Amino acid sequence: MIDQPEEVDMMFWYGNETNVWGYALMTISMVLFWGLVIYGAVALIRSPAREDRPAAATRPTPELLLADRLARGEIDEEQYLQTLETLRGGPRPLAKS
């Protein structure tokens, strides 16, 4: 009988080197992973800040503030019309010297 050498499984420790596709896959995976981590961090930081800031569209315009003053009776109609004309860039009365 012929003596045969015993087979030993090395569990891929030697001789199984990574090829170009393996390195490409590792690089792409690393870039995607860190991109998602950074994107998630930025999203978490920015989202509460958006809720705290009032929107610019909700601020009342000067004309609305003037109309509110007229509605509350703080000014009369003549003062309202004169101030509204001034706000809209209309003619201003001449000052007496």
PDB file of N, CA and C in Angstrom:
ATOM      1  N   MET A   1       0.829  -1.154   0.000  1.00  0.00           N
ATOM      2  CA  MET A   1       0.000   0.000   0.000  1.00  0.00           C
ATOM      3  C   MET A   1       0.892   1.242   0.000  1.00  0.00           C
ATOM      4  N   ILE A   2       0.395   2.290  -0.696  1.00  0.00           N
ATOM      5  CA  ILE A   2       1.189   3.505  -0.807  1.00  0.00           C
ATOM      6  C   ILE A   2       0.759   4.459   0.295  1.00  0.00           C
ATOM      7  N   ASP A   3       1.762   5.039   0.936  1.00  0.00           N
ATOM      8  CA  ASP A   3       1.454   6.017   1.987  1.00  0.00           C
ATOM      9  C   ASP A   3       1.101   7.353   1.338  1.00  0.00           C
ATOM     10  N   GLN A   4      -0.087   7.876   1.675  1.00  0.00           N
ATOM     11  CA  GLN A   4      -0.500   9.176   1.166  1.00  0.00           C
ATOM     12  C   GLN A   4      -0.395  10.186   2.305  1.00  0.00           C
ATOM     13  N   PRO A   5       0.069  11.406   1.941  1.00  0.00           N
ATOM     14  CA  PRO A   5       0.153  12.415   2.996  1.00  0.00           C
ATOM     15  C   PRO A   5      -1.250  12.798   3.476  1.00  0.00           C
ATOM     16  N   GLU A   6      -1.330  13.128   4.722  1.00  0.00           N
ATOM     17  CA  GLU A   6      -2.607  13.494   5.324  1.00  0.00           C
ATOM     18  C   GLU A   6      -3.007  14.897   4.865  1.00  0.00           C
ATOM     19  N   GLU A   7      -4.292  15.072   4.490  1.00  0.00           N
ATOM     20  CA  GLU A   7      -4.767  16.394   4.071  1.00  0.00           C
ATOM     21  C   GLU A   7      -5.083  17.234   5.291  1.00  0.00           C
ATOM     22  N   VAL A   8      -4.706  18.512   5.224  1.00  0.00           N
ATOM     23  CA  VAL A   8      -4.967  19.429   6.330  1.00  0.00           C
ATOM     24  C   VAL A   8      -5.711  20.637   5.763  1.00  0.00           C
ATOM     25  N   ASP A   9      -6.859  20.942   6.325  1.00  0.00           N
ATOM     26  CA  ASP A   9      -7.599  22.143   5.919  1.00  0.00           C
ATOM     27  C   ASP A   9      -7.017  23.341   6.652  1.00  0.00           C
ATOM     28  N   MET A  10      -6.650  24.394   5.895  1.00  0.00           N
ATOM     29  CA  MET A  10      -6.001  25.554   6.488  1.00  0.00           C
ATOM     30  C   MET A  10      -6.990  26.686   6.767  1.00  0.00           C
ATOM     31  N   MET A  11      -8.234  26.495   6.469  1.00  0.00           N
ATOM     32  CA  MET A  11      -9.276  27.497   6.730  1.00  0.00           C
ATOM     33  C   MET A  11      -8.979  28.833   6.052  1.00  0.00           C
ATOM     34  N   PHE A  12      -8.422  28.753   4.841  1.00  0.00           N
ATOM     35  CA  PHE A  12      -8.176  29.940   4.022  1.00  0.00           C
ATOM     36  C   PHE A  12      -7.224  30.928   4.670  1.00  0.00           C
ATOM     37  N   TRP A  13      -6.286  30.473   5.422  1.00  0.00           N
ATOM     38  CA  TRP A  13      -5.336  31.385   6.034  1.00  0.00           C
ATOM     39  C   TRP A  13      -4.234  31.756   5.058  1.00  0.00           C
ATOM     40  N   TYR A  14      -3.897  30.870   4.180  1.00  0.00           N
ATOM     41  CA  TYR A  14      -2.800  31.111   3.255  1.00  0.00           C
ATOM     42  C   TYR A  14      -3.260  30.858   1.831  1.00  0.00           C
ATOM     43  N   GLY A  15      -2.689  31.608   0.916  1.00  0.00           N
ATOM     44  CA  GLY A  15      -2.906  31.346  -0.489  1.00  0.00           C
ATOM     45  C   GLY A  15      -4.236  31.807  -1.052  1.00  0.00           C
ATOM     46  N   ASN A  16      -5.053  32.485  -0.314  1.00  0.00           N
ATOM     47  CA  ASN A  16      -6.331  32.960  -0.815  1.00  0.00           C
ATOM     48  C   ASN A  16      -6.326  34.484  -0.757  1.00  0.00           C
ATOM     49  N   GLU A  17      -5.563  35.085  -1.626  1.00  0.00           N
ATOM     50  CA  GLU A  17      -5.391  36.543  -1.593  1.00  0.00           C
ATOM     51  C   GLU A  17      -6.574  37.245  -2.235  1.00  0.00           C
ATOM     52  N   THR A  18      -6.830  38.475  -1.805  1.00  0.00           N
ATOM     53  CA  THR A  18      -7.924  39.274  -2.342  1.00  0.00           C
ATOM     54  C   THR A  18      -7.516  39.815  -3.703  1.00  0.00           C
ATOM     55  N   ASN A  19      -8.424  39.730  -4.664  1.00  0.00           N
ATOM     56  CA  ASN A  19      -8.115  40.243  -5.994  1.00  0.00           C
ATOM     57  C   ASN A  19      -8.605  41.682  -6.135  1.00  0.00           C
ATOM     58  N   VAL A  20      -8.510  42.217  -7.339  1.00  0.00           N
ATOM     59  CA  VAL A  20      -8.874  43.620  -7.598  1.00  0.00           C
ATOM     60  C   VAL A  20     -10.339  43.873  -7.271  1.00  0.00           C
ATOM     61  N   TRP A  21     -11.216  42.946  -7.602  1.00  0.00           N
ATOM     62  CA  TRP A  21     -12.639  43.139  -7.343  1.00  0.00           C
ATOM     63  C   TRP A  21     -12.934  43.163  -5.844  1.00  0.00           C
ATOM     64  N   GLY A  22     -12.196  42.403  -5.084  1.00  0.00           N
ATOM     65  CA  GLY A  22     -12.377  42.418  -3.643  1.00  0.00           C
ATOM     66  C   GLY A  22     -12.019  43.765  -3.044  1.00  0.00           C
ATOM     67  N   TYR A  23     -10.887  44.337  -3.510  1.00  0.00           N
ATOM     68  CA  TYR A  23     -10.488  45.659  -3.028  1.00  0.00           C
ATOM     69  C   TYR A  23     -11.469  46.740  -3.477  1.00  0.00           C
ATOM     70  N   ALA A  24     -11.960  46.631  -4.704  1.00  0.00           N
ATOM     71  CA  ALA A  24     -12.933  47.612  -5.195  1.00  0.00           C
ATOM     72  C   ALA A  24     -14.222  47.549  -4.369  1.00  0.00           C
ATOM     73  N   LEU A  25     -14.691  46.334  -4.084  1.00  0.00           N
ATOM     74  CA  LEU A  25     -15.907  46.181  -3.290  1.00  0.00           C
ATOM     75  C   LEU A  25     -15.717  46.725  -1.878  1.00  0.00           C
ATOM     76  N   MET A  26     -14.554  46.472  -1.279  1.00  0.00           N
ATOM     77  CA  MET A  26     -14.288  47.000   0.064  1.00  0.00           C
ATOM     78  C   MET A  26     -14.251  48.525   0.059  1.00  0.00           C
ATOM     79  N   THR A  27     -13.635  49.108  -0.977  1.00  0.00           N
ATOM     80  CA  THR A  27     -13.548  50.577  -1.057  1.00  0.00           C
ATOM     81  C   THR A  27     -14.928  51.195  -1.223  1.00  0.00           C
ATOM     82  N   ILE A  28     -15.711  50.659  -2.132  1.00  0.00           N
ATOM     83  CA  ILE A  28     -17.064  51.191  -2.362  1.00  0.00           C
ATOM     84  C   ILE A  28     -17.919  51.033  -1.113  1.00  0.00           C
ATOM     85  N   SER A  29     -17.816  49.904  -0.451  1.00  0.00           N
ATOM     86  CA  SER A  29     -18.589  49.670   0.778  1.00  0.00           C
ATOM     87  C   SER A  29     -18.204  50.659   1.870  1.00  0.00           C
ATOM     88  N   MET A  30     -16.900  50.921   2.013  1.00  0.00           N
ATOM     89  CA  MET A  30     -16.445  51.850   3.043  1.00  0.00           C
ATOM     90  C   MET A  30     -16.949  53.268   2.766  1.00  0.00           C
ATOM     91  N   VAL A  31     -16.873  53.705   1.497  1.00  0.00           N
ATOM     92  CA  VAL A  31     -17.340  55.045   1.144  1.00  0.00           C
ATOM     93  C   VAL A  31     -18.843  55.165   1.386  1.00  0.00           C
ATOM     94  N   LEU A  32     -19.613  54.163   0.993  1.00  0.00           N
ATOM     95  CA  LEU A  32     -21.058  54.198   1.231  1.00  0.00           C
ATOM     96  C   LEU A  32     -21.395  54.195   2.718  1.00  0.00           C
ATOM     97  N   PHE A  33     -20.691  53.384   3.489  1.00  0.00           N
ATOM     98  CA  PHE A  33     -20.949  53.328   4.926  1.00  0.00           C
ATOM     99  C   PHE A  33     -20.711  54.682   5.587  1.00  0.00           C
ATOM    100  N   TRP A  34     -19.542  55.275   5.341  1.00  0.00           N
ATOM    101  CA  TRP A  34     -19.245  56.560   5.985  1.00  0.00           C
ATOM    102  C   TRP A  34     -20.114  57.689   5.433  1.00  0.00           C
ATOM    103  N   GLY A  35     -20.494  57.596   4.181  1.00  0.00           N
ATOM    104  CA  GLY A  35     -21.424  58.586   3.627  1.00  0.00           C
ATOM    105  C   GLY A  35     -22.773  58.542   4.327  1.00  0.00           C
ATOM    106  N   LEU A  36     -23.275  57.330   4.571  1.00  0.00           N
ATOM    107  CA  LEU A  36     -24.546  57.189   5.289  1.00  0.00           C
ATOM    108  C   LEU A  36     -24.435  57.648   6.739  1.00  0.00           C
ATOM    109  N   VAL A  37     -23.309  57.377   7.384  1.00  0.00           N
ATOM    110  CA  VAL A  37     -23.110  57.819   8.774  1.00  0.00           C
ATOM    111  C   VAL A  37     -23.102  59.345   8.837  1.00  0.00           C
ATOM    112  N   ILE A  38     -22.374  59.977   7.938  1.00  0.00           N
ATOM    113  CA  ILE A  38     -22.303  61.450   7.933  1.00  0.00           C
ATOM    114  C   ILE A  38     -23.660  62.050   7.585  1.00  0.00           C
ATOM    115  N   TYR A  39     -24.346  61.482   6.589  1.00  0.00           N
ATOM    116  CA  TYR A  39     -25.668  61.980   6.215  1.00  0.00           C
ATOM    117  C   TYR A  39     -26.648  61.870   7.381  1.00  0.00           C
ATOM    118  N   GLY A  40     -26.617  60.751   8.089  1.00  0.00           N
ATOM    119  CA  GLY A  40     -27.498  60.580   9.243  1.00  0.00           C
ATOM    120  C   GLY A  40     -27.211  61.569  10.354  1.00  0.00           C
ATOM    121  N   ALA A  41     -25.930  61.836  10.611  1.00  0.00           N
ATOM    122  CA  ALA A  41     -25.564  62.799  11.654  1.00  0.00           C
ATOM    123  C   ALA A  41     -26.042  64.201  11.292  1.00  0.00           C
ATOM    124  N   VAL A  42     -25.853  64.590  10.040  1.00  0.00           N
ATOM    125  CA  VAL A  42     -26.296  65.919   9.599  1.00  0.00           C
ATOM    126  C   VAL A  42     -27.820  66.023   9.669  1.00  0.00           C
ATOM    127  N   ALA A  43     -28.514  64.971   9.280  1.00  0.00           N
ATOM    128  CA  ALA A  43     -29.986  64.987   9.335  1.00  0.00           C
ATOM    129  C   ALA A  43     -30.489  65.105  10.769  1.00  0.00           C
ATOM    130  N   LEU A  44     -29.833  64.425  11.700  1.00  0.00           N
ATOM    131  CA  LEU A  44     -30.248  64.519  13.099  1.00  0.00           C
ATOM    132  C   LEU A  44     -29.988  65.902  13.678  1.00  0.00           C
ATOM    133  N   ILE A  45     -28.910  66.520  13.283  1.00  0.00           N
ATOM    134  CA  ILE A  45     -28.572  67.848  13.805  1.00  0.00           C
ATOM    135  C   ILE A  45     -29.494  68.904  13.219  1.00  0.00           C
ATOM    136  N   ARG A  46     -29.802  68.808  11.935  1.00  0.00           N
ATOM    137  CA  ARG A  46     -30.583  69.849  11.273  1.00  0.00           C
ATOM    138  C   ARG A  46     -32.074  69.769  11.531  1.00  0.00           C
ATOM    139  N   SER A  47     -32.650  68.598  11.730  1.00  0.00           N
ATOM    140  CA  SER A  47     -34.100  68.489  11.830  1.00  0.00           C
ATOM    141  C   SER A  47     -34.698  69.193  13.046  1.00  0.00           C
ATOM    142  N   PRO A  48     -34.145  69.101  14.260  1.00  0.00           N
ATOM    143  CA  PRO A  48     -34.734  69.870  15.364  1.00  0.00           C
ATOM    144  C   PRO A  48     -34.570  71.379  15.175  1.00  0.00           C
ATOM    145  N   ALA A  49     -33.500  71.791  14.521  1.00  0.00           N
ATOM    146  CA  ALA A  49     -33.278  73.219  14.315  1.00  0.00           C
ATOM    147  C   ALA A  49     -34.329  73.813  13.395  1.00  0.00           C
ATOM    148  N   ARG A  50     -34.802  73.046  12.434  1.00  0.00           N
ATOM    149  CA  ARG A  50     -35.828  73.553  11.522  1.00  0.00           C
ATOM    150  C   ARG A  50     -37.146  73.789  12.237  1.00  0.00           C
ATOM    151  N   GLU A  51     -37.483  72.966  13.204  1.00  0.00           N
ATOM    152  CA  GLU A  51     -38.750  73.116  13.915  1.00  0.00           C
ATOM    153  C   GLU A  51     -38.738  74.306  14.860  1.00  0.00           C
ATOM    154  N   ASP A  52     -37.566  74.682  15.370  1.00  0.00           N
ATOM    155  CA  ASP A  52     -37.484  75.785  16.310  1.00  0.00           C
ATOM    156  C   ASP A  52     -37.567  77.146  15.624  1.00  0.00           C
ATOM    157  N   ARG A  53     -37.123  77.231  14.384  1.00  0.00           N
ATOM    158  CA  ARG A  53     -37.118  78.510  13.688  1.00  0.00           C
ATOM    159  C   ARG A  53     -38.492  78.827  13.126  1.00  0.00           C
ATOM    160  N   PRO A  54     -39.004  80.042  13.357  1.00  0.00           N
ATOM    161  CA  PRO A  54     -40.273  80.405  12.726  1.00  0.00           C
ATOM    162  C   PRO A  54     -40.058  80.667  11.241  1.00  0.00           C
ATOM    163  N   ALA A  55     -41.016  80.308  10.435  1.00  0.00           N
ATOM    164  CA  ALA A  55     -40.913  80.523   8.994  1.00  0.00           C
ATOM    165  C   ALA A  55     -41.066  82.009   8.696  1.00  0.00           C
ATOM    166  N   ALA A  56     -40.342  82.465   7.684  1.00  0.00           N
ATOM    167  CA  ALA A  56     -40.403  83.881   7.315  1.00  0.00           C
ATOM    168  C   ALA A  56     -41.792  84.250   6.801  1.00  0.00           C
ATOM    169  N   ALA A  57     -42.505  83.299   6.240  1.00  0.00           N
ATOM    170  CA  ALA A  57     -43.831  83.573   5.683  1.00  0.00           C
ATOM    171  C   ALA A  57     -44.862  83.839   6.770  1.00  0.00           C
ATOM    172  N   THR A  58     -44.612  83.438   8.004  1.00  0.00           N
ATOM    173  CA  THR A  58     -45.590  83.642   9.055  1.00  0.00           C
ATOM    174  C   THR A  58     -45.467  85.015   9.711  1.00  0.00           C
ATOM    175  N   ARG A  59     -44.420  85.740   9.407  1.00  0.00           N
ATOM    176  CA  ARG A  59     -44.294  87.089   9.977  1.00  0.00           C
ATOM    177  C   ARG A  59     -45.297  88.031   9.330  1.00  0.00           C
ATOM    178  N   PRO A  60     -45.964  88.844  10.122  1.00  0.00           N
ATOM    179  CA  PRO A  60     -46.928  89.781   9.532  1.00  0.00           C
ATOM    180  C   PRO A  60     -46.199  90.916   8.810  1.00  0.00           C
ATOM    181  N   THR A  61     -46.767  91.332   7.705  1.00  0.00           N
ATOM    182  CA  THR A  61     -46.204  92.447   6.950  1.00  0.00           C
ATOM    183  C   THR A  61     -46.578  93.755   7.644  1.00  0.00           C
ATOM    184  N   PRO A  62     -45.872  94.841   7.314  1.00  0.00           N
ATOM    185  CA  PRO A  62     -46.232  96.136   7.910  1.00  0.00           C
ATOM    186  C   PRO A  62     -47.681  96.542   7.617  1.00  0.00           C
ATOM    187  N   GLU A  63     -48.170  96.178   6.435  1.00  0.00           N
ATOM    188  CA  GLU A  63     -49.552  96.515   6.096  1.00  0.00           C
ATOM    189  C   GLU A  63     -50.540  95.754   6.978  1.00  0.00           C
ATOM    190  N   LEU A  64     -50.238  94.488   7.278  1.00  0.00           N
ATOM    191  CA  LEU A  64     -51.115  93.725   8.176  1.00  0.00           C
ATOM    192  C   LEU A  64     -51.081  94.278   9.597  1.00  0.00           C
ATOM    193  N   LEU A  65     -49.914  94.682  10.056  1.00  0.00           N
ATOM    194  CA  LEU A  65     -49.822  95.290  11.383  1.00  0.00           C
ATOM    195  C   LEU A  65     -50.625  96.583  11.450  1.00  0.00           C
ATOM    196  N   LEU A  66     -50.552  97.365  10.380  1.00  0.00           N
ATOM    197  CA  LEU A  66     -51.318  98.611  10.332  1.00  0.00           C
ATOM    198  C   LEU A  66     -52.820  98.321  10.327  1.00  0.00           C
ATOM    199  N   ALA A  67     -53.241  97.298   9.578  1.00  0.00           N
ATOM    200  CA  ALA A  67     -54.663  96.934   9.554  1.00  0.00           C
ATOM    201  C   ALA A  67     -55.118  96.442  10.928  1.00  0.00           C
ATOM    202  N   ASP A  68     -54.252  95.724  11.637  1.00  0.00           N
ATOM    203  CA  ASP A  68     -54.595  95.288  12.993  1.00  0.00           C
ATOM    204  C   ASP A  68     -54.787  96.479  13.928  1.00  0.00           C
ATOM    205  N   ARG A  69     -53.916  97.473  13.791  1.00  0.00           N
ATOM    206  CA  ARG A  69     -54.051  98.670  14.636  1.00  0.00           C
ATOM    207  C   ARG A  69     -55.365  99.388  14.353  1.00  0.00           C
ATOM    208  N   LEU A  70     -55.770  99.421  13.073  1.00  0.00           N
ATOM    209  CA  LEU A  70     -57.046 100.051  12.716  1.00  0.00           C
ATOM    210  C   LEU A  70     -58.201  99.235  13.299  1.00  0.00           C
ATOM    211  N   ALA A  71     -58.109  97.918  13.209  1.00  0.00           N
ATOM    212  CA  ALA A  71     -59.181  97.058  13.718  1.00  0.00           C
ATOM    213  C   ALA A  71     -59.316  97.167  15.236  1.00  0.00           C
ATOM    214  N   ARG A  72     -58.212  97.357  15.947  1.00  0.00           N
ATOM    215  CA  ARG A  72     -58.276  97.502  17.410  1.00  0.00           C
ATOM    216  C   ARG A  72     -58.673  98.908  17.838  1.00  0.00           C
ATOM    217  N   GLY A  73     -58.729  99.831  16.891  1.00  0.00           N
ATOM    218  CA  GLY A  73     -59.139 101.194  17.219  1.00  0.00           C
ATOM    219  C   GLY A  73     -58.002 102.074  17.706  1.00  0.00           C
ATOM    220  N   GLU A  74     -56.765 101.661  17.519  1.00  0.00           N
ATOM    221  CA  GLU A  74     -55.617 102.469  17.949  1.00  0.00           C
ATOM    222  C   GLU A  74     -55.414 103.672  17.043  1.00  0.00           C
ATOM    223  N   ILE A  75     -55.798 103.550  15.769  1.00  0.00           N
ATOM    224  CA  ILE A  75     -55.694 104.665  14.829  1.00  0.00           C
ATOM    225  C   ILE A  75     -57.028 104.798  14.104  1.00  0.00           C
ATOM    226  N   ASP A  76     -57.270 105.987  13.552  1.00  0.00           N
ATOM    227  CA  ASP A  76     -58.510 106.171  12.803  1.00  0.00           C
ATOM    228  C   ASP A  76     -58.251 105.921  11.315  1.00  0.00           C
ATOM    229  N   GLU A  77     -59.300 106.002  10.520  1.00  0.00           N
ATOM    230  CA  GLU A  77     -59.199 105.661   9.099  1.00  0.00           C
ATOM    231  C   GLU A  77     -58.280 106.612   8.351  1.00  0.00           C
ATOM    232  N   GLU A  78     -58.309 107.885   8.708  1.00  0.00           N
ATOM    233  CA  GLU A  78     -57.437 108.870   8.032  1.00  0.00           C
ATOM    234  C   GLU A  78     -55.963 108.551   8.284  1.00  0.00           C
ATOM    235  N   GLN A  79     -55.620 108.234   9.538  1.00  0.00           N
ATOM    236  CA  GLN A  79     -54.233 107.868   9.840  1.00  0.00           C
ATOM    237  C   GLN A  79     -53.852 106.572   9.126  1.00  0.00           C
ATOM    238  N   TYR A  80     -54.803 105.638   9.050  1.00  0.00           N
ATOM    239  CA  TYR A  80     -54.538 104.365   8.374  1.00  0.00           C
ATOM    240  C   TYR A  80     -54.202 104.602   6.904  1.00  0.00           C
ATOM    241  N   LEU A  81     -55.061 105.368   6.209  1.00  0.00           N
ATOM    242  CA  LEU A  81     -54.846 105.603   4.785  1.00  0.00           C
ATOM    243  C   LEU A  81     -53.547 106.367   4.534  1.00  0.00           C
ATOM    244  N   GLN A  82     -53.253 107.351   5.386  1.00  0.00           N
ATOM    245  CA  GLN A  82     -52.032 108.140   5.222  1.00  0.00           C
ATOM    246  C   GLN A  82     -50.787 107.252   5.435  1.00  0.00           C
ATOM    247  N   THR A  83     -50.813 106.428   6.458  1.00  0.00           N
ATOM    248  CA  THR A  83     -49.672 105.563   6.736  1.00  0.00           C
ATOM    249  C   THR A  83     -49.544 104.473   5.673  1.00  0.00           C
ATOM    250  N   LEU A  84     -50.667 103.945   5.197  1.00  0.00           N
ATOM    251  CA  LEU A  84     -50.638 102.935   4.148  1.00  0.00           C
ATOM    252  C   LEU A  84     -50.046 103.500   2.864  1.00  0.00           C
ATOM    253  N   GLU A  85     -50.403 104.727   2.532  1.00  0.00           N
ATOM    254  CA  GLU A  85     -49.841 105.387   1.347  1.00  0.00           C
ATOM    255  C   GLU A  85     -48.331 105.588   1.514  1.00  0.00           C
ATOM    256  N   THR A  86     -47.908 105.930   2.712  1.00  0.00           N
ATOM    257  CA  THR A  86     -46.479 106.091   2.980  1.00  0.00           C
ATOM    258  C   THR A  86     -45.748 104.751   2.860  1.00  0.00           C
ATOM    259  N   LEU A  87     -46.361 103.712   3.378  1.00  0.00           N
ATOM    260  CA  LEU A  87     -45.735 102.389   3.287  1.00  0.00           C
ATOM    261  C   LEU A  87     -45.584 101.926   1.846  1.00  0.00           C
ATOM    262  N   ARG A  88     -46.562 102.243   1.037  1.00  0.00           N
ATOM    263  CA  ARG A  88     -46.523 101.817  -0.361  1.00  0.00           C
ATOM    264  C   ARG A  88     -45.698 102.754  -1.231  1.00  0.00           C
ATOM    265  N   GLY A  89     -45.098 103.766  -0.661  1.00  0.00           N
ATOM    266  CA  GLY A  89     -44.213 104.663  -1.392  1.00  0.00           C
ATOM    267  C   GLY A  89     -44.911 105.779  -2.122  1.00  0.00           C
ATOM    268  N   GLY A  90     -46.076 106.164  -1.651  1.00  0.00           N
ATOM    269  CA  GLY A  90     -46.839 107.230  -2.282  1.00  0.00           C
ATOM    270  C   GLY A  90     -46.300 108.610  -1.881  1.00  0.00           C
ATOM    271  N   PRO A  91     -46.971 109.654  -2.318  1.00  0.00           N
ATOM    272  CA  PRO A  91     -46.523 111.010  -2.009  1.00  0.00           C
ATOM    273  C   PRO A  91     -46.635 111.309  -0.501  1.00  0.00           C
ATOM    274  N   ARG A  92     -45.665 112.052  -0.011  1.00  0.00           N
ATOM    275  CA  ARG A  92     -45.649 112.419   1.401  1.00  0.00           C
ATOM    276  C   ARG A  92     -46.035 113.876   1.538  1.00  0.00           C
ATOM    277  N   PRO A  93     -46.729 114.203   2.616  1.00  0.00           N
ATOM    278  CA  PRO A  93     -47.103 115.620   2.793  1.00  0.00           C
ATOM    279  C   PRO A  93     -45.849 116.460   3.078  1.00  0.00           C
ATOM    280  N   LEU A  94     -45.923 117.699   2.605  1.00  0.00           N
ATOM    281  CA  LEU A  94     -44.802 118.620   2.821  1.00  0.00           C
ATOM    282  C   LEU A  94     -44.779 119.051   4.281  1.00  0.00           C
ATOM    283  N   ALA A  95     -43.588 119.133   4.825  1.00  0.00           N
ATOM    284  CA  ALA A  95     -43.449 119.560   6.219  1.00  0.00           C
ATOM    285  C   ALA A  95     -43.499 121.090   6.261  1.00  0.00           C
ATOM    286  N   LYS A  96     -44.201 121.630   7.271  1.00  0.00           N
ATOM    287  CA  LYS A  96     -44.311 123.083   7.436  1.00  0.00           C
ATOM    288  C   LYS A  96     -43.081 123.565   8.177  1.00  0.00           C
ATOM    289  N   SER A  97     -42.516 124.703   7.676  1.00  0.00           N
ATOM    290  CA  SER A  97     -41.328 125.236   8.355  1.00  0.00           C
ATOM    291  C   SER A  97     -41.613 126.482   9.127  1.00  0.00           C
TER     292      SER A  97
END
